[in-house]
Amino acid sequence: MTVKLAFLPPNMTSLIQGIIANFKKQYRSLVLQRLVNGTDAEASSGARAVEMARKLTALDSLHMQCEAWNRIT
């Protein structure tokens, strides 16, 4: 996987606010989905969402960011 950075002019932010908001919404949805799935899977051991959140790594975050970006239409 290749990461490509693109620097935009300062006045472009207002034009792409919808894209940024959509990305954040998708990412938050993926994080919450992962936490809910993790707590459901480990419900018998008494795992809590806070403990599951602490298990997330930077690599997990990058994968979820990639998935969130791919969901934007």
PDB file of N, CA and C in Angstrom:
ATOM      1  N   MET A   1       0.843  -1.165   0.000  1.00  0.00           N
ATOM      2  CA  MET A   1       0.000   0.000   0.000  1.00  0.00           C
ATOM      3  C   MET A   1       0.893   1.235   0.000  1.00  0.00           C
ATOM      4  N   THR A   2       0.557   2.199  -0.823  1.00  0.00           N
ATOM      5  CA  THR A   2       1.330   3.423  -0.940  1.00  0.00           C
ATOM      6  C   THR A   2       0.520   4.587  -0.386  1.00  0.00           C
ATOM      7  N   VAL A   3       1.190   5.434   0.372  1.00  0.00           N
ATOM      8  CA  VAL A   3       0.546   6.634   0.899  1.00  0.00           C
ATOM      9  C   VAL A   3       0.984   7.815   0.062  1.00  0.00           C
ATOM     10  N   LYS A   4       0.024   8.600  -0.387  1.00  0.00           N
ATOM     11  CA  LYS A   4       0.323   9.749  -1.229  1.00  0.00           C
ATOM     12  C   LYS A   4      -0.207  11.003  -0.555  1.00  0.00           C
ATOM     13  N   LEU A   5       0.652  11.947  -0.294  1.00  0.00           N
ATOM     14  CA  LEU A   5       0.249  13.209   0.315  1.00  0.00           C
ATOM     15  C   LEU A   5       0.019  14.251  -0.762  1.00  0.00           C
ATOM     16  N   ALA A   6      -1.029  15.020  -0.586  1.00  0.00           N
ATOM     17  CA  ALA A   6      -1.321  16.113  -1.510  1.00  0.00           C
ATOM     18  C   ALA A   6      -1.575  17.362  -0.685  1.00  0.00           C
ATOM     19  N   PHE A   7      -0.802  18.381  -0.913  1.00  0.00           N
ATOM     20  CA  PHE A   7      -0.968  19.632  -0.198  1.00  0.00           C
ATOM     21  C   PHE A   7      -1.900  20.537  -0.991  1.00  0.00           C
ATOM     22  N   LEU A   8      -2.950  20.974  -0.334  1.00  0.00           N
ATOM     23  CA  LEU A   8      -3.947  21.810  -0.985  1.00  0.00           C
ATOM     24  C   LEU A   8      -3.753  23.259  -0.573  1.00  0.00           C
ATOM     25  N   PRO A   9      -4.161  24.182  -1.417  1.00  0.00           N
ATOM     26  CA  PRO A   9      -4.110  25.596  -1.039  1.00  0.00           C
ATOM     27  C   PRO A   9      -4.996  25.845   0.182  1.00  0.00           C
ATOM     28  N   PRO A  10      -4.677  26.827   0.997  1.00  0.00           N
ATOM     29  CA  PRO A  10      -5.443  27.081   2.228  1.00  0.00           C
ATOM     30  C   PRO A  10      -6.937  27.310   2.008  1.00  0.00           C
ATOM     31  N   ASN A  11      -7.321  27.896   0.904  1.00  0.00           N
ATOM     32  CA  ASN A  11      -8.734  28.201   0.675  1.00  0.00           C
ATOM     33  C   ASN A  11      -9.542  26.998   0.172  1.00  0.00           C
ATOM     34  N   MET A  12      -8.933  25.864  -0.020  1.00  0.00           N
ATOM     35  CA  MET A  12      -9.627  24.680  -0.517  1.00  0.00           C
ATOM     36  C   MET A  12     -10.386  23.942   0.578  1.00  0.00           C
ATOM     37  N   THR A  13     -10.060  24.181   1.831  1.00  0.00           N
ATOM     38  CA  THR A  13     -10.678  23.437   2.920  1.00  0.00           C
ATOM     39  C   THR A  13     -12.187  23.608   2.933  1.00  0.00           C
ATOM     40  N   SER A  14     -12.663  24.799   2.701  1.00  0.00           N
ATOM     41  CA  SER A  14     -14.107  25.020   2.729  1.00  0.00           C
ATOM     42  C   SER A  14     -14.811  24.255   1.608  1.00  0.00           C
ATOM     43  N   LEU A  15     -14.130  24.018   0.509  1.00  0.00           N
ATOM     44  CA  LEU A  15     -14.734  23.296  -0.613  1.00  0.00           C
ATOM     45  C   LEU A  15     -14.822  21.800  -0.358  1.00  0.00           C
ATOM     46  N   ILE A  16     -13.940  21.276   0.474  1.00  0.00           N
ATOM     47  CA  ILE A  16     -13.938  19.832   0.694  1.00  0.00           C
ATOM     48  C   ILE A  16     -14.402  19.450   2.097  1.00  0.00           C
ATOM     49  N   GLN A  17     -15.075  20.370   2.794  1.00  0.00           N
ATOM     50  CA  GLN A  17     -15.563  20.072   4.144  1.00  0.00           C
ATOM     51  C   GLN A  17     -16.491  18.873   4.166  1.00  0.00           C
ATOM     52  N   GLY A  18     -17.305  18.719   3.146  1.00  0.00           N
ATOM     53  CA  GLY A  18     -18.218  17.581   3.078  1.00  0.00           C
ATOM     54  C   GLY A  18     -17.465  16.268   3.006  1.00  0.00           C
ATOM     55  N   ILE A  19     -16.385  16.248   2.242  1.00  0.00           N
ATOM     56  CA  ILE A  19     -15.578  15.037   2.121  1.00  0.00           C
ATOM     57  C   ILE A  19     -14.924  14.712   3.457  1.00  0.00           C
ATOM     58  N   ILE A  20     -14.395  15.728   4.122  1.00  0.00           N
ATOM     59  CA  ILE A  20     -13.755  15.527   5.418  1.00  0.00           C
ATOM     60  C   ILE A  20     -14.764  15.019   6.439  1.00  0.00           C
ATOM     61  N   ALA A  21     -15.945  15.611   6.461  1.00  0.00           N
ATOM     62  CA  ALA A  21     -16.987  15.189   7.399  1.00  0.00           C
ATOM     63  C   ALA A  21     -17.417  13.753   7.132  1.00  0.00           C
ATOM     64  N   ASN A  22     -17.551  13.401   5.865  1.00  0.00           N
ATOM     65  CA  ASN A  22     -17.937  12.046   5.490  1.00  0.00           C
ATOM     66  C   ASN A  22     -16.861  11.045   5.907  1.00  0.00           C
ATOM     67  N   PHE A  23     -15.593  11.389   5.711  1.00  0.00           N
ATOM     68  CA  PHE A  23     -14.493  10.513   6.112  1.00  0.00           C
ATOM     69  C   PHE A  23     -14.522  10.273   7.622  1.00  0.00           C
ATOM     70  N   LYS A  24     -14.701  11.349   8.390  1.00  0.00           N
ATOM     71  CA  LYS A  24     -14.745  11.221   9.853  1.00  0.00           C
ATOM     72  C   LYS A  24     -15.913  10.339  10.285  1.00  0.00           C
ATOM     73  N   LYS A  25     -17.051  10.517   9.630  1.00  0.00           N
ATOM     74  CA  LYS A  25     -18.233   9.720   9.958  1.00  0.00           C
ATOM     75  C   LYS A  25     -17.979   8.238   9.684  1.00  0.00           C
ATOM     76  N   GLN A  26     -17.391   7.947   8.533  1.00  0.00           N
ATOM     77  CA  GLN A  26     -17.092   6.560   8.174  1.00  0.00           C
ATOM     78  C   GLN A  26     -16.083   5.940   9.138  1.00  0.00           C
ATOM     79  N   TYR A  27     -15.054   6.704   9.491  1.00  0.00           N
ATOM     80  CA  TYR A  27     -14.012   6.199  10.391  1.00  0.00           C
ATOM     81  C   TYR A  27     -14.585   5.919  11.776  1.00  0.00           C
ATOM     82  N   ARG A  28     -15.349   6.859  12.303  1.00  0.00           N
ATOM     83  CA  ARG A  28     -15.964   6.658  13.624  1.00  0.00           C
ATOM     84  C   ARG A  28     -16.882   5.440  13.620  1.00  0.00           C
ATOM     85  N   SER A  29     -17.605   5.256  12.536  1.00  0.00           N
ATOM     86  CA  SER A  29     -18.482   4.105  12.412  1.00  0.00           C
ATOM     87  C   SER A  29     -17.680   2.805  12.463  1.00  0.00           C
ATOM     88  N   LEU A  30     -16.560   2.770  11.767  1.00  0.00           N
ATOM     89  CA  LEU A  30     -15.716   1.575  11.768  1.00  0.00           C
ATOM     90  C   LEU A  30     -15.129   1.298  13.150  1.00  0.00           C
ATOM     91  N   VAL A  31     -14.699   2.352  13.841  1.00  0.00           N
ATOM     92  CA  VAL A  31     -14.142   2.176  15.187  1.00  0.00           C
ATOM     93  C   VAL A  31     -15.210   1.625  16.122  1.00  0.00           C
ATOM     94  N   LEU A  32     -16.391   2.227  16.106  1.00  0.00           N
ATOM     95  CA  LEU A  32     -17.470   1.759  16.979  1.00  0.00           C
ATOM     96  C   LEU A  32     -17.886   0.338  16.632  1.00  0.00           C
ATOM     97  N   GLN A  33     -17.937   0.028  15.342  1.00  0.00           N
ATOM     98  CA  GLN A  33     -18.293  -1.318  14.911  1.00  0.00           C
ATOM     99  C   GLN A  33     -17.279  -2.323  15.438  1.00  0.00           C
ATOM    100  N   ARG A  34     -16.025  -1.973  15.374  1.00  0.00           N
ATOM    101  CA  ARG A  34     -14.978  -2.876  15.863  1.00  0.00           C
ATOM    102  C   ARG A  34     -15.077  -3.080  17.376  1.00  0.00           C
ATOM    103  N   LEU A  35     -15.341  -1.986  18.100  1.00  0.00           N
ATOM    104  CA  LEU A  35     -15.473  -2.092  19.552  1.00  0.00           C
ATOM    105  C   LEU A  35     -16.673  -2.945  19.937  1.00  0.00           C
ATOM    106  N   VAL A  36     -17.788  -2.738  19.259  1.00  0.00           N
ATOM    107  CA  VAL A  36     -18.992  -3.527  19.556  1.00  0.00           C
ATOM    108  C   VAL A  36     -18.751  -4.989  19.225  1.00  0.00           C
ATOM    109  N   ASN A  37     -18.166  -5.278  18.089  1.00  0.00           N
ATOM    110  CA  ASN A  37     -17.889  -6.666  17.713  1.00  0.00           C
ATOM    111  C   ASN A  37     -16.916  -7.313  18.697  1.00  0.00           C
ATOM    112  N   GLY A  38     -15.925  -6.554  19.148  1.00  0.00           N
ATOM    113  CA  GLY A  38     -14.953  -7.092  20.095  1.00  0.00           C
ATOM    114  C   GLY A  38     -15.558  -7.374  21.448  1.00  0.00           C
ATOM    115  N   THR A  39     -16.430  -6.492  21.919  1.00  0.00           N
ATOM    116  CA  THR A  39     -17.051  -6.727  23.223  1.00  0.00           C
ATOM    117  C   THR A  39     -18.075  -7.849  23.144  1.00  0.00           C
ATOM    118  N   ASP A  40     -18.751  -7.987  22.000  1.00  0.00           N
ATOM    119  CA  ASP A  40     -19.687  -9.099  21.838  1.00  0.00           C
ATOM    120  C   ASP A  40     -18.950 -10.429  21.833  1.00  0.00           C
ATOM    121  N   ALA A  41     -17.801 -10.471  21.171  1.00  0.00           N
ATOM    122  CA  ALA A  41     -17.035 -11.709  21.071  1.00  0.00           C
ATOM    123  C   ALA A  41     -16.456 -12.116  22.419  1.00  0.00           C
ATOM    124  N   GLU A  42     -16.133 -11.140  23.251  1.00  0.00           N
ATOM    125  CA  GLU A  42     -15.515 -11.441  24.528  1.00  0.00           C
ATOM    126  C   GLU A  42     -16.446 -11.133  25.703  1.00  0.00           C
ATOM    127  N   ALA A  43     -17.737 -11.219  25.473  1.00  0.00           N
ATOM    128  CA  ALA A  43     -18.699 -10.891  26.526  1.00  0.00           C
ATOM    129  C   ALA A  43     -18.575 -11.846  27.709  1.00  0.00           C
ATOM    130  N   SER A  44     -18.233 -13.090  27.446  1.00  0.00           N
ATOM    131  CA  SER A  44     -18.146 -14.056  28.539  1.00  0.00           C
ATOM    132  C   SER A  44     -16.972 -13.760  29.468  1.00  0.00           C
ATOM    133  N   SER A  45     -15.911 -13.130  28.946  1.00  0.00           N
ATOM    134  CA  SER A  45     -14.758 -12.825  29.797  1.00  0.00           C
ATOM    135  C   SER A  45     -14.896 -11.478  30.488  1.00  0.00           C
ATOM    136  N   GLY A  46     -15.991 -10.769  30.263  1.00  0.00           N
ATOM    137  CA  GLY A  46     -16.229  -9.498  30.937  1.00  0.00           C
ATOM    138  C   GLY A  46     -15.426  -8.344  30.368  1.00  0.00           C
ATOM    139  N   ALA A  47     -14.999  -8.450  29.127  1.00  0.00           N
ATOM    140  CA  ALA A  47     -14.230  -7.367  28.512  1.00  0.00           C
ATOM    141  C   ALA A  47     -15.111  -6.150  28.322  1.00  0.00           C
ATOM    142  N   ARG A  48     -14.543  -4.978  28.527  1.00  0.00           N
ATOM    143  CA  ARG A  48     -15.275  -3.732  28.359  1.00  0.00           C
ATOM    144  C   ARG A  48     -14.777  -3.004  27.120  1.00  0.00           C
ATOM    145  N   ALA A  49     -15.578  -2.047  26.655  1.00  0.00           N
ATOM    146  CA  ALA A  49     -15.226  -1.292  25.452  1.00  0.00           C
ATOM    147  C   ALA A  49     -13.931  -0.516  25.647  1.00  0.00           C
ATOM    148  N   VAL A  50     -13.681  -0.033  26.860  1.00  0.00           N
ATOM    149  CA  VAL A  50     -12.453   0.719  27.125  1.00  0.00           C
ATOM    150  C   VAL A  50     -11.238  -0.174  26.934  1.00  0.00           C
ATOM    151  N   GLU A  51     -11.327  -1.391  27.416  1.00  0.00           N
ATOM    152  CA  GLU A  51     -10.220  -2.333  27.253  1.00  0.00           C
ATOM    153  C   GLU A  51     -10.005  -2.671  25.777  1.00  0.00           C
ATOM    154  N   MET A  52     -11.102  -2.806  25.043  1.00  0.00           N
ATOM    155  CA  MET A  52     -10.993  -3.097  23.606  1.00  0.00           C
ATOM    156  C   MET A  52     -10.362  -1.918  22.872  1.00  0.00           C
ATOM    157  N   ALA A  53     -10.710  -0.701  23.279  1.00  0.00           N
ATOM    158  CA  ALA A  53     -10.153   0.484  22.631  1.00  0.00           C
ATOM    159  C   ALA A  53      -8.645   0.556  22.859  1.00  0.00           C
ATOM    160  N   ARG A  54      -8.190   0.137  24.016  1.00  0.00           N
ATOM    161  CA  ARG A  54      -6.758   0.164  24.312  1.00  0.00           C
ATOM    162  C   ARG A  54      -5.982  -0.858  23.482  1.00  0.00           C
ATOM    163  N   LYS A  55      -6.679  -1.869  22.979  1.00  0.00           N
ATOM    164  CA  LYS A  55      -6.025  -2.891  22.161  1.00  0.00           C
ATOM    165  C   LYS A  55      -5.812  -2.437  20.717  1.00  0.00           C
ATOM    166  N   LEU A  56      -6.492  -1.362  20.308  1.00  0.00           N
ATOM    167  CA  LEU A  56      -6.338  -0.876  18.937  1.00  0.00           C
ATOM    168  C   LEU A  56      -4.937  -0.313  18.748  1.00  0.00           C
ATOM    169  N   THR A  57      -4.318  -0.658  17.651  1.00  0.00           N
ATOM    170  CA  THR A  57      -2.969  -0.180  17.353  1.00  0.00           C
ATOM    171  C   THR A  57      -3.013   0.867  16.244  1.00  0.00           C
ATOM    172  N   ALA A  58      -1.867   1.482  16.009  1.00  0.00           N
ATOM    173  CA  ALA A  58      -1.770   2.462  14.920  1.00  0.00           C
ATOM    174  C   ALA A  58      -2.035   1.777  13.579  1.00  0.00           C
ATOM    175  N   LEU A  59      -1.581   0.544  13.442  1.00  0.00           N
ATOM    176  CA  LEU A  59      -1.818  -0.193  12.201  1.00  0.00           C
ATOM    177  C   LEU A  59      -3.311  -0.454  12.016  1.00  0.00           C
ATOM    178  N   ASP A  60      -4.009  -0.813  13.096  1.00  0.00           N
ATOM    179  CA  ASP A  60      -5.463  -0.987  13.014  1.00  0.00           C
ATOM    180  C   ASP A  60      -6.128   0.303  12.541  1.00  0.00           C
ATOM    181  N   SER A  61      -5.679   1.417  13.102  1.00  0.00           N
ATOM    182  CA  SER A  61      -6.229   2.715  12.729  1.00  0.00           C
ATOM    183  C   SER A  61      -6.001   3.009  11.251  1.00  0.00           C
ATOM    184  N   LEU A  62      -4.808   2.730  10.767  1.00  0.00           N
ATOM    185  CA  LEU A  62      -4.516   2.977   9.350  1.00  0.00           C
ATOM    186  C   LEU A  62      -5.391   2.118   8.444  1.00  0.00           C
ATOM    187  N   HIS A  63      -5.607   0.869   8.816  1.00  0.00           N
ATOM    188  CA  HIS A  63      -6.474   0.003   8.014  1.00  0.00           C
ATOM    189  C   HIS A  63      -7.908   0.532   8.005  1.00  0.00           C
ATOM    190  N   MET A  64      -8.372   0.997   9.169  1.00  0.00           N
ATOM    191  CA  MET A  64      -9.724   1.542   9.225  1.00  0.00           C
ATOM    192  C   MET A  64      -9.829   2.854   8.451  1.00  0.00           C
ATOM    193  N   GLN A  65      -8.773   3.667   8.468  1.00  0.00           N
ATOM    194  CA  GLN A  65      -8.776   4.905   7.691  1.00  0.00           C
ATOM    195  C   GLN A  65      -8.844   4.595   6.201  1.00  0.00           C
ATOM    196  N   CYS A  66      -8.104   3.590   5.780  1.00  0.00           N
ATOM    197  CA  CYS A  66      -8.126   3.187   4.369  1.00  0.00           C
ATOM    198  C   CYS A  66      -9.528   2.715   3.980  1.00  0.00           C
ATOM    199  N   GLU A  67     -10.137   1.913   4.822  1.00  0.00           N
ATOM    200  CA  GLU A  67     -11.492   1.435   4.562  1.00  0.00           C
ATOM    201  C   GLU A  67     -12.487   2.593   4.537  1.00  0.00           C
ATOM    202  N   ALA A  68     -12.339   3.533   5.475  1.00  0.00           N
ATOM    203  CA  ALA A  68     -13.235   4.701   5.515  1.00  0.00           C
ATOM    204  C   ALA A  68     -13.101   5.515   4.234  1.00  0.00           C
ATOM    205  N   TRP A  69     -11.884   5.703   3.777  1.00  0.00           N
ATOM    206  CA  TRP A  69     -11.651   6.477   2.545  1.00  0.00           C
ATOM    207  C   TRP A  69     -12.273   5.769   1.340  1.00  0.00           C
ATOM    208  N   ASN A  70     -12.164   4.433   1.309  1.00  0.00           N
ATOM    209  CA  ASN A  70     -12.734   3.673   0.196  1.00  0.00           C
ATOM    210  C   ASN A  70     -14.257   3.699   0.196  1.00  0.00           C
ATOM    211  N   ARG A  71     -14.877   3.971   1.324  1.00  0.00           N
ATOM    212  CA  ARG A  71     -16.340   4.042   1.414  1.00  0.00           C
ATOM    213  C   ARG A  71     -16.897   5.368   0.930  1.00  0.00           C
ATOM    214  N   ILE A  72     -16.056   6.373   0.783  1.00  0.00           N
ATOM    215  CA  ILE A  72     -16.530   7.680   0.339  1.00  0.00           C
ATOM    216  C   ILE A  72     -16.840   7.608  -1.148  1.00  0.00           C
ATOM    217  N   THR A  73     -18.061   8.048  -1.510  1.00  0.00           N
ATOM    218  CA  THR A  73     -18.453   7.994  -2.921  1.00  0.00           C
ATOM    219  C   THR A  73     -18.280   9.344  -3.574  1.00  0.00           C
TER     220      THR A  73
END
